[in-house]
PDB file of N, CA and C in Angstrom:
ATOM      1  N   MET A   1      42.720 -90.922 -20.337  1.00  0.00           N
ATOM      2  CA  MET A   1      41.882 -89.905 -20.822  1.00  0.00           C
ATOM      3  C   MET A   1      41.060 -89.186 -19.841  1.00  0.00           C
ATOM      4  N   PRO A   2      40.804 -87.975 -19.840  1.00  0.00           N
ATOM      5  CA  PRO A   2      39.943 -87.196 -19.159  1.00  0.00           C
ATOM      6  C   PRO A   2      38.523 -87.345 -19.558  1.00  0.00           C
ATOM      7  N   TRP A   3      37.522 -87.230 -18.437  1.00  0.00           N
ATOM      8  CA  TRP A   3      36.232 -87.518 -18.818  1.00  0.00           C
ATOM      9  C   TRP A   3      35.357 -86.692 -17.841  1.00  0.00           C
ATOM     10  N   PRO A   4      34.247 -86.157 -18.096  1.00  0.00           N
ATOM     11  CA  PRO A   4      33.500 -86.349 -19.350  1.00  0.00           C
ATOM     12  C   PRO A   4      34.504 -85.402 -20.430  1.00  0.00           C
ATOM     13  N   SER A   5      34.475 -85.620 -21.437  1.00  0.00           N
ATOM     14  CA  SER A   5      35.075 -84.902 -22.868  1.00  0.00           C
ATOM     15  C   SER A   5      33.715 -84.020 -23.340  1.00  0.00           C
ATOM     16  N   VAL A   6      34.414 -82.760 -23.966  1.00  0.00           N
ATOM     17  CA  VAL A   6      33.298 -81.550 -24.611  1.00  0.00           C
ATOM     18  C   VAL A   6      33.299 -82.329 -26.347  1.00  0.00           C
ATOM     19  N   PHE A   7      31.866 -82.371 -26.971  1.00  0.00           N
ATOM     20  CA  PHE A   7      32.169 -83.106 -28.018  1.00  0.00           C
ATOM     21  C   PHE A   7      30.875 -81.946 -28.720  1.00  0.00           C
ATOM     22  N   LEU A   8      31.314 -81.676 -30.035  1.00  0.00           N
ATOM     23  CA  LEU A   8      30.360 -80.588 -30.949  1.00  0.00           C
ATOM     24  C   LEU A   8      28.839 -81.388 -31.491  1.00  0.00           C
ATOM     25  N   PRO A   9      28.060 -80.880 -31.557  1.00  0.00           N
ATOM     26  CA  PRO A   9      27.228 -81.740 -31.701  1.00  0.00           C
ATOM     27  C   PRO A   9      27.362 -82.329 -33.689  1.00  0.00           C
ATOM     28  N   ASN A  10      28.727 -81.797 -34.227  1.00  0.00           N
ATOM     29  CA  ASN A  10      29.235 -82.246 -35.429  1.00  0.00           C
ATOM     30  C   ASN A  10      30.369 -83.485 -35.274  1.00  0.00           C
ATOM     31  N   GLY A  11      30.223 -83.849 -33.836  1.00  0.00           N
ATOM     32  CA  GLY A  11      31.090 -84.978 -33.428  1.00  0.00           C
ATOM     33  C   GLY A  11      32.951 -84.771 -33.001  1.00  0.00           C
ATOM     34  N   ILE A  12      33.123 -83.317 -33.500  1.00  0.00           N
ATOM     35  CA  ILE A  12      34.319 -82.989 -33.091  1.00  0.00           C
ATOM     36  C   ILE A  12      34.469 -82.745 -31.652  1.00  0.00           C
ATOM     37  N   LYS A  13      35.870 -83.035 -31.069  1.00  0.00           N
ATOM     38  CA  LYS A  13      35.666 -83.258 -29.820  1.00  0.00           C
ATOM     39  C   LYS A  13      37.062 -82.124 -29.662  1.00  0.00           C
ATOM     40  N   LEU A  14      36.860 -81.507 -28.583  1.00  0.00           N
ATOM     41  CA  LEU A  14      37.697 -80.651 -28.281  1.00  0.00           C
ATOM     42  C   LEU A  14      38.554 -81.042 -27.116  1.00  0.00           C
ATOM     43  N   PHE A  15      39.636 -80.470 -26.957  1.00  0.00           N
ATOM     44  CA  PHE A  15      40.926 -80.844 -25.620  1.00  0.00           C
ATOM     45  C   PHE A  15      41.057 -79.336 -25.748  1.00  0.00           C
ATOM     46  N   GLY A  16      41.758 -79.231 -24.260  1.00  0.00           N
ATOM     47  CA  GLY A  16      42.340 -78.007 -23.894  1.00  0.00           C
ATOM     48  C   GLY A  16      41.540 -76.613 -24.223  1.00  0.00           C
ATOM     49  N   ILE A  17      40.872 -76.714 -23.555  1.00  0.00           N
ATOM     50  CA  ILE A  17      39.633 -75.410 -23.999  1.00  0.00           C
ATOM     51  C   ILE A  17      40.087 -74.526 -22.216  1.00  0.00           C
ATOM     52  N   LYS A  18      40.038 -72.909 -22.867  1.00  0.00           N
ATOM     53  CA  LYS A  18      40.449 -71.961 -22.124  1.00  0.00           C
ATOM     54  C   LYS A  18      39.024 -71.082 -21.949  1.00  0.00           C
ATOM     55  N   VAL A  19      38.576 -70.866 -21.311  1.00  0.00           N
ATOM     56  CA  VAL A  19      37.609 -69.692 -21.373  1.00  0.00           C
ATOM     57  C   VAL A  19      38.288 -68.026 -21.691  1.00  0.00           C
ATOM     58  N   VAL A  20      38.132 -67.234 -22.352  1.00  0.00           N
ATOM     59  CA  VAL A  20      38.624 -66.152 -22.376  1.00  0.00           C
ATOM     60  C   VAL A  20      37.845 -64.828 -22.303  1.00  0.00           C
ATOM     61  N   GLU A  21      38.101 -63.977 -21.587  1.00  0.00           N
ATOM     62  CA  GLU A  21      37.510 -62.901 -21.140  1.00  0.00           C
ATOM     63  C   GLU A  21      37.407 -61.766 -22.267  1.00  0.00           C
ATOM     64  N   ASN A  22      38.472 -61.483 -22.322  1.00  0.00           N
ATOM     65  CA  ASN A  22      38.724 -60.219 -23.467  1.00  0.00           C
ATOM     66  C   ASN A  22      39.363 -60.851 -24.802  1.00  0.00           C
ATOM     67  N   ILE A  23      39.037 -60.743 -25.642  1.00  0.00           N
ATOM     68  CA  ILE A  23      40.116 -61.358 -26.864  1.00  0.00           C
ATOM     69  C   ILE A  23      40.683 -60.164 -27.708  1.00  0.00           C
ATOM     70  N   ALA A  24      41.830 -60.167 -27.952  1.00  0.00           N
ATOM     71  CA  ALA A  24      42.111 -59.074 -29.246  1.00  0.00           C
ATOM     72  C   ALA A  24      42.629 -60.019 -30.193  1.00  0.00           C
ATOM     73  N   CYS A  25      41.524 -60.259 -31.040  1.00  0.00           N
ATOM     74  CA  CYS A  25      41.068 -60.640 -32.265  1.00  0.00           C
ATOM     75  C   CYS A  25      42.168 -60.210 -33.775  1.00  0.00           C
ATOM     76  N   GLU A  26      42.659 -60.981 -34.626  1.00  0.00           N
ATOM     77  CA  GLU A  26      43.130 -60.906 -35.512  1.00  0.00           C
ATOM     78  C   GLU A  26      42.875 -59.511 -36.403  1.00  0.00           C
ATOM     79  N   LYS A  27      41.692 -59.103 -36.471  1.00  0.00           N
ATOM     80  CA  LYS A  27      40.928 -58.080 -36.935  1.00  0.00           C
ATOM     81  C   LYS A  27      41.389 -56.596 -35.611  1.00  0.00           C
ATOM     82  N   ASN A  28      42.374 -56.939 -34.853  1.00  0.00           N
ATOM     83  CA  ASN A  28      42.275 -55.981 -34.157  1.00  0.00           C
ATOM     84  C   ASN A  28      41.178 -55.411 -33.464  1.00  0.00           C
ATOM     85  N   GLU A  29      40.102 -55.983 -33.082  1.00  0.00           N
ATOM     86  CA  GLU A  29      38.908 -55.699 -31.994  1.00  0.00           C
ATOM     87  C   GLU A  29      39.074 -56.537 -31.083  1.00  0.00           C
ATOM     88  N   ILE A  30      38.630 -55.589 -29.994  1.00  0.00           N
ATOM     89  CA  ILE A  30      38.645 -56.588 -28.574  1.00  0.00           C
ATOM     90  C   ILE A  30      37.333 -56.627 -28.552  1.00  0.00           C
ATOM     91  N   LEU A  31      36.988 -57.904 -27.982  1.00  0.00           N
ATOM     92  CA  LEU A  31      36.041 -58.648 -27.978  1.00  0.00           C
ATOM     93  C   LEU A  31      35.417 -58.970 -26.093  1.00  0.00           C
ATOM     94  N   GLY A  32      34.707 -58.659 -25.549  1.00  0.00           N
ATOM     95  CA  GLY A  32      34.258 -58.598 -24.159  1.00  0.00           C
ATOM     96  C   GLY A  32      33.351 -59.592 -24.234  1.00  0.00           C
ATOM     97  N   LYS A  33      32.805 -60.011 -23.200  1.00  0.00           N
ATOM     98  CA  LYS A  33      32.107 -61.379 -22.860  1.00  0.00           C
ATOM     99  C   LYS A  33      30.962 -61.536 -23.065  1.00  0.00           C
ATOM    100  N   ASN A  34      30.670 -60.337 -23.391  1.00  0.00           N
ATOM    101  CA  ASN A  34      29.177 -60.003 -23.725  1.00  0.00           C
ATOM    102  C   ASN A  34      29.156 -59.908 -25.316  1.00  0.00           C
ATOM    103  N   SER A  35      30.284 -59.727 -26.096  1.00  0.00           N
ATOM    104  CA  SER A  35      29.699 -59.360 -27.510  1.00  0.00           C
ATOM    105  C   SER A  35      28.830 -60.110 -28.098  1.00  0.00           C
ATOM    106  N   ALA A  36      28.188 -59.857 -29.132  1.00  0.00           N
ATOM    107  CA  ALA A  36      27.289 -60.086 -30.001  1.00  0.00           C
ATOM    108  C   ALA A  36      28.055 -60.919 -31.296  1.00  0.00           C
ATOM    109  N   LYS A  37      28.375 -61.936 -31.153  1.00  0.00           N
ATOM    110  CA  LYS A  37      28.556 -63.008 -32.064  1.00  0.00           C
ATOM    111  C   LYS A  37      28.352 -64.282 -32.238  1.00  0.00           C
ATOM    112  N   LYS A  38      27.674 -64.921 -33.257  1.00  0.00           N
ATOM    113  CA  LYS A  38      27.342 -66.352 -33.532  1.00  0.00           C
ATOM    114  C   LYS A  38      28.186 -67.378 -32.839  1.00  0.00           C
ATOM    115  N   ALA A  39      27.689 -68.143 -31.594  1.00  0.00           N
ATOM    116  CA  ALA A  39      28.066 -68.578 -31.172  1.00  0.00           C
ATOM    117  C   ALA A  39      28.651 -70.380 -32.254  1.00  0.00           C
ATOM    118  N   GLY A  40      30.069 -70.547 -31.901  1.00  0.00           N
ATOM    119  CA  GLY A  40      30.806 -71.423 -33.403  1.00  0.00           C
ATOM    120  C   GLY A  40      31.651 -70.630 -33.793  1.00  0.00           C
ATOM    121  N   GLU A  41      31.603 -69.220 -34.188  1.00  0.00           N
ATOM    122  CA  GLU A  41      32.021 -68.410 -35.352  1.00  0.00           C
ATOM    123  C   GLU A  41      33.659 -68.303 -34.370  1.00  0.00           C
ATOM    124  N   ILE A  42      34.671 -68.698 -35.653  1.00  0.00           N
ATOM    125  CA  ILE A  42      35.944 -68.366 -35.115  1.00  0.00           C
ATOM    126  C   ILE A  42      36.178 -67.269 -35.518  1.00  0.00           C
ATOM    127  N   LEU A  43      36.776 -66.542 -34.131  1.00  0.00           N
ATOM    128  CA  LEU A  43      37.465 -65.388 -33.947  1.00  0.00           C
ATOM    129  C   LEU A  43      38.656 -64.917 -34.587  1.00  0.00           C
ATOM    130  N   SER A  44      39.599 -66.133 -34.005  1.00  0.00           N
ATOM    131  CA  SER A  44      40.883 -66.195 -34.431  1.00  0.00           C
ATOM    132  C   SER A  44      41.433 -67.571 -34.784  1.00  0.00           C
ATOM    133  N   LEU A  45      42.583 -67.772 -35.104  1.00  0.00           N
ATOM    134  CA  LEU A  45      43.086 -68.738 -35.724  1.00  0.00           C
ATOM    135  C   LEU A  45      44.391 -69.348 -35.411  1.00  0.00           C
ATOM    136  N   SER A  46      44.872 -68.427 -34.630  1.00  0.00           N
ATOM    137  CA  SER A  46      46.392 -68.444 -34.030  1.00  0.00           C
ATOM    138  C   SER A  46      46.675 -67.470 -32.758  1.00  0.00           C
ATOM    139  N   PRO A  47      46.299 -67.294 -31.623  1.00  0.00           N
ATOM    140  CA  PRO A  47      45.683 -68.987 -31.093  1.00  0.00           C
ATOM    141  C   PRO A  47      43.963 -69.544 -31.635  1.00  0.00           C
ATOM    142  N   VAL A  48      43.507 -70.069 -31.512  1.00  0.00           N
ATOM    143  CA  VAL A  48      42.019 -70.731 -32.258  1.00  0.00           C
ATOM    144  C   VAL A  48      41.230 -70.319 -30.948  1.00  0.00           C
ATOM    145  N   ILE A  49      40.365 -69.117 -31.149  1.00  0.00           N
ATOM    146  CA  ILE A  49      39.561 -68.409 -30.499  1.00  0.00           C
ATOM    147  C   ILE A  49      38.086 -68.866 -31.237  1.00  0.00           C
ATOM    148  N   VAL A  50      37.140 -69.328 -30.348  1.00  0.00           N
ATOM    149  CA  VAL A  50      35.853 -69.331 -31.115  1.00  0.00           C
ATOM    150  C   VAL A  50      34.896 -69.176 -30.104  1.00  0.00           C
ATOM    151  N   ALA A  51      33.781 -68.277 -30.571  1.00  0.00           N
ATOM    152  CA  ALA A  51      32.810 -67.804 -29.990  1.00  0.00           C
ATOM    153  C   ALA A  51      31.670 -68.559 -29.270  1.00  0.00           C
ATOM    154  N   CYS A  52      31.417 -68.325 -27.674  1.00  0.00           N
ATOM    155  CA  CYS A  52      30.034 -68.859 -27.142  1.00  0.00           C
ATOM    156  C   CYS A  52      28.780 -67.994 -27.463  1.00  0.00           C
ATOM    157  N   GLU A  53      27.853 -68.550 -26.971  1.00  0.00           N
ATOM    158  CA  GLU A  53      27.193 -67.462 -26.501  1.00  0.00           C
ATOM    159  C   GLU A  53      27.039 -66.518 -25.931  1.00  0.00           C
ATOM    160  N   LYS A  54      28.082 -66.730 -24.410  1.00  0.00           N
ATOM    161  CA  LYS A  54      28.329 -65.437 -24.027  1.00  0.00           C
ATOM    162  C   LYS A  54      29.774 -65.730 -23.763  1.00  0.00           C
ATOM    163  N   GLY A  55      30.935 -64.770 -24.327  1.00  0.00           N
ATOM    164  CA  GLY A  55      32.201 -64.669 -24.366  1.00  0.00           C
ATOM    165  C   GLY A  55      32.887 -66.153 -25.314  1.00  0.00           C
ATOM    166  N   ALA A  56      33.724 -66.591 -25.250  1.00  0.00           N
ATOM    167  CA  ALA A  56      34.404 -67.459 -26.183  1.00  0.00           C
ATOM    168  C   ALA A  56      35.546 -67.878 -25.177  1.00  0.00           C
ATOM    169  N   VAL A  57      36.009 -69.217 -26.189  1.00  0.00           N
ATOM    170  CA  VAL A  57      36.846 -69.803 -25.628  1.00  0.00           C
ATOM    171  C   VAL A  57      38.182 -70.131 -26.413  1.00  0.00           C
ATOM    172  N   ALA A  58      39.312 -70.597 -26.203  1.00  0.00           N
ATOM    173  CA  ALA A  58      40.511 -70.695 -26.717  1.00  0.00           C
ATOM    174  C   ALA A  58      40.519 -72.620 -26.664  1.00  0.00           C
ATOM    175  N   ILE A  59      40.853 -72.654 -27.916  1.00  0.00           N
ATOM    176  CA  ILE A  59      41.205 -74.485 -28.205  1.00  0.00           C
ATOM    177  C   ILE A  59      42.578 -74.685 -28.175  1.00  0.00           C
ATOM    178  N   ASP A  60      43.176 -75.644 -28.036  1.00  0.00           N
ATOM    179  CA  ASP A  60      44.474 -76.013 -27.802  1.00  0.00           C
ATOM    180  C   ASP A  60      44.273 -77.097 -29.248  1.00  0.00           C
ATOM    181  N   GLU A  61      43.726 -77.949 -29.044  1.00  0.00           N
ATOM    182  CA  GLU A  61      43.704 -79.550 -29.476  1.00  0.00           C
ATOM    183  C   GLU A  61      41.994 -79.872 -30.079  1.00  0.00           C
ATOM    184  N   LEU A  62      42.655 -80.322 -31.085  1.00  0.00           N
ATOM    185  CA  LEU A  62      40.381 -81.396 -31.369  1.00  0.00           C
ATOM    186  C   LEU A  62      40.372 -82.610 -32.619  1.00  0.00           C
ATOM    187  N   GLN A  63      39.446 -82.743 -32.418  1.00  0.00           N
ATOM    188  CA  GLN A  63      39.762 -84.311 -32.668  1.00  0.00           C
ATOM    189  C   GLN A  63      38.340 -84.286 -33.753  1.00  0.00           C
ATOM    190  N   ALA A  64      38.441 -84.898 -34.937  1.00  0.00           N
ATOM    191  CA  ALA A  64      37.835 -84.703 -35.897  1.00  0.00           C
ATOM    192  C   ALA A  64      37.186 -86.574 -35.781  1.00  0.00           C
ATOM    193  N   PRO A  65      35.601 -86.572 -35.694  1.00  0.00           N
ATOM    194  CA  PRO A  65      35.070 -88.265 -35.745  1.00  0.00           C
ATOM    195  C   PRO A  65      36.443 -89.264 -36.682  1.00  0.00           C
ATOM    196  N   SER A  66      36.665 -90.191 -35.957  1.00  0.00           N
ATOM    197  CA  SER A  66      37.454 -91.078 -36.759  1.00  0.00           C
ATOM    198  C   SER A  66      38.797 -90.699 -37.245  1.00  0.00           C
ATOM    199  N   LYS A  67      39.335 -89.464 -36.830  1.00  0.00           N
ATOM    200  CA  LYS A  67      40.765 -88.983 -37.135  1.00  0.00           C
ATOM    201  C   LYS A  67      41.401 -88.790 -35.830  1.00  0.00           C
ATOM    202  N   ASN A  68      43.025 -88.348 -35.939  1.00  0.00           N
ATOM    203  CA  ASN A  68      43.597 -88.602 -34.681  1.00  0.00           C
ATOM    204  C   ASN A  68      43.352 -86.991 -34.159  1.00  0.00           C
ATOM    205  N   LYS A  69      44.071 -87.033 -32.972  1.00  0.00           N
ATOM    206  CA  LYS A  69      43.406 -85.513 -32.522  1.00  0.00           C
ATOM    207  C   LYS A  69      44.926 -84.671 -32.998  1.00  0.00           C
ATOM    208  N   MET A  70      44.697 -83.755 -32.916  1.00  0.00           N
ATOM    209  CA  MET A  70      45.850 -82.550 -33.816  1.00  0.00           C
ATOM    210  C   MET A  70      45.779 -81.259 -33.282  1.00  0.00           C
ATOM    211  N   ARG A  71      46.494 -80.457 -33.741  1.00  0.00           N
ATOM    212  CA  ARG A  71      46.757 -78.728 -32.941  1.00  0.00           C
ATOM    213  C   ARG A  71      45.415 -78.131 -34.130  1.00  0.00           C
ATOM    214  N   ALA A  72      44.601 -77.407 -33.123  1.00  0.00           N
ATOM    215  CA  ALA A  72      43.447 -76.891 -33.347  1.00  0.00           C
ATOM    216  C   ALA A  72      43.657 -75.894 -34.633  1.00  0.00           C
ATOM    217  N   SER A  73      44.865 -75.348 -34.539  1.00  0.00           N
ATOM    218  CA  SER A  73      45.438 -74.032 -35.817  1.00  0.00           C
ATOM    219  C   SER A  73      45.716 -75.329 -37.018  1.00  0.00           C
ATOM    220  N   GLU A  74      46.173 -76.676 -37.074  1.00  0.00           N
ATOM    221  CA  GLU A  74      46.591 -77.060 -37.857  1.00  0.00           C
ATOM    222  C   GLU A  74      45.426 -77.658 -38.388  1.00  0.00           C
ATOM    223  N   PHE A  75      44.278 -78.114 -37.746  1.00  0.00           N
ATOM    224  CA  PHE A  75      43.060 -78.633 -38.349  1.00  0.00           C
ATOM    225  C   PHE A  75      42.587 -77.525 -39.182  1.00  0.00           C
ATOM    226  N   LEU A  76      42.044 -76.142 -38.715  1.00  0.00           N
ATOM    227  CA  LEU A  76      41.462 -75.481 -39.412  1.00  0.00           C
ATOM    228  C   LEU A  76      41.937 -75.027 -40.763  1.00  0.00           C
ATOM    229  N   LYS A  77      43.686 -75.028 -41.091  1.00  0.00           N
ATOM    230  CA  LYS A  77      44.454 -74.606 -41.542  1.00  0.00           C
ATOM    231  C   LYS A  77      44.299 -75.619 -42.729  1.00  0.00           C
ATOM    232  N   SER A  78      44.150 -77.046 -42.598  1.00  0.00           N
ATOM    233  CA  SER A  78      44.188 -78.255 -43.198  1.00  0.00           C
ATOM    234  C   SER A  78      43.138 -78.207 -43.785  1.00  0.00           C
ATOM    235  N   ARG A  79      41.964 -77.554 -43.670  1.00  0.00           N
ATOM    236  CA  ARG A  79      40.545 -77.345 -44.428  1.00  0.00           C
ATOM    237  C   ARG A  79      39.939 -76.141 -44.799  1.00  0.00           C
ATOM    238  N   ALA A  80      41.432 -75.358 -44.983  1.00  0.00           N
ATOM    239  CA  ALA A  80      41.103 -73.857 -45.501  1.00  0.00           C
ATOM    240  C   ALA A  80      39.884 -73.124 -44.797  1.00  0.00           C
ATOM    241  N   ILE A  81      39.786 -73.291 -43.522  1.00  0.00           N
ATOM    242  CA  ILE A  81      38.725 -72.623 -42.697  1.00  0.00           C
ATOM    243  C   ILE A  81      39.148 -71.509 -42.082  1.00  0.00           C
ATOM    244  N   LYS A  82      38.557 -70.433 -42.143  1.00  0.00           N
ATOM    245  CA  LYS A  82      38.806 -69.083 -42.210  1.00  0.00           C
ATOM    246  C   LYS A  82      38.014 -68.431 -40.986  1.00  0.00           C
ATOM    247  N   ILE A  83      38.791 -67.314 -40.541  1.00  0.00           N
ATOM    248  CA  ILE A  83      37.878 -66.406 -39.419  1.00  0.00           C
ATOM    249  C   ILE A  83      36.509 -65.876 -39.845  1.00  0.00           C
ATOM    250  N   GLY A  84      35.642 -65.944 -39.044  1.00  0.00           N
ATOM    251  CA  GLY A  84      34.086 -65.758 -39.483  1.00  0.00           C
ATOM    252  C   GLY A  84      33.142 -67.211 -39.814  1.00  0.00           C
ATOM    253  N   ASP A  85      34.155 -68.065 -40.038  1.00  0.00           N
ATOM    254  CA  ASP A  85      33.492 -69.407 -40.502  1.00  0.00           C
ATOM    255  C   ASP A  85      32.839 -70.036 -39.009  1.00  0.00           C
ATOM    256  N   ASN A  86      31.964 -71.193 -39.415  1.00  0.00           N
ATOM    257  CA  ASN A  86      31.308 -71.376 -37.955  1.00  0.00           C
ATOM    258  C   ASN A  86      32.083 -73.131 -37.798  1.00  0.00           C
ATOM    259  N   LEU A  87      32.430 -73.240 -36.307  1.00  0.00           N
ATOM    260  CA  LEU A  87      33.219 -74.700 -35.964  1.00  0.00           C
ATOM    261  C   LEU A  87      32.026 -75.535 -35.763  1.00  0.00           C
ATOM    262  N   LEU A  88      30.521 -75.064 -35.486  1.00  0.00           N
ATOM    263  CA  LEU A  88      29.574 -76.200 -35.389  1.00  0.00           C
ATOM    264  C   LEU A  88      29.593 -76.272 -36.892  1.00  0.00           C
ATOM    265  N   GLU A  89      29.483 -76.104 -38.251  1.00  0.00           N
ATOM    266  CA  GLU A  89      28.884 -76.237 -38.980  1.00  0.00           C
ATOM    267  C   GLU A  89      30.119 -77.218 -40.030  1.00  0.00           C
ATOM    268  N   ILE A  90      31.211 -77.255 -39.710  1.00  0.00           N
ATOM    269  CA  ILE A  90      32.507 -78.327 -40.196  1.00  0.00           C
ATOM    270  C   ILE A  90      31.865 -79.564 -40.371  1.00  0.00           C
ATOM    271  N   ILE A  91      32.287 -80.120 -41.289  1.00  0.00           N
ATOM    272  CA  ILE A  91      32.289 -82.097 -41.434  1.00  0.00           C
ATOM    273  C   ILE A  91      30.192 -81.898 -41.808  1.00  0.00           C
TER     274      ILE A  91
END
């Protein structure tokens, strides 16, 4: 297992993180790296793209505390999370 790992304040562990510079979101809006979105805001569900303070990241897999690792899109779908929700506020 790679170390160090990336954990959110809510205990969710992230895997397969890639920085994305220009994102074509499901709302057909192109977001540049300086877009004004709130950190943690979900911009796309497939692939899972989440806003950061500057830019955004794509997340392949994640793991909730005391749960098994799973595809990020399946995790969001299983919790009825939608675009605009905040990954930092889950759980």
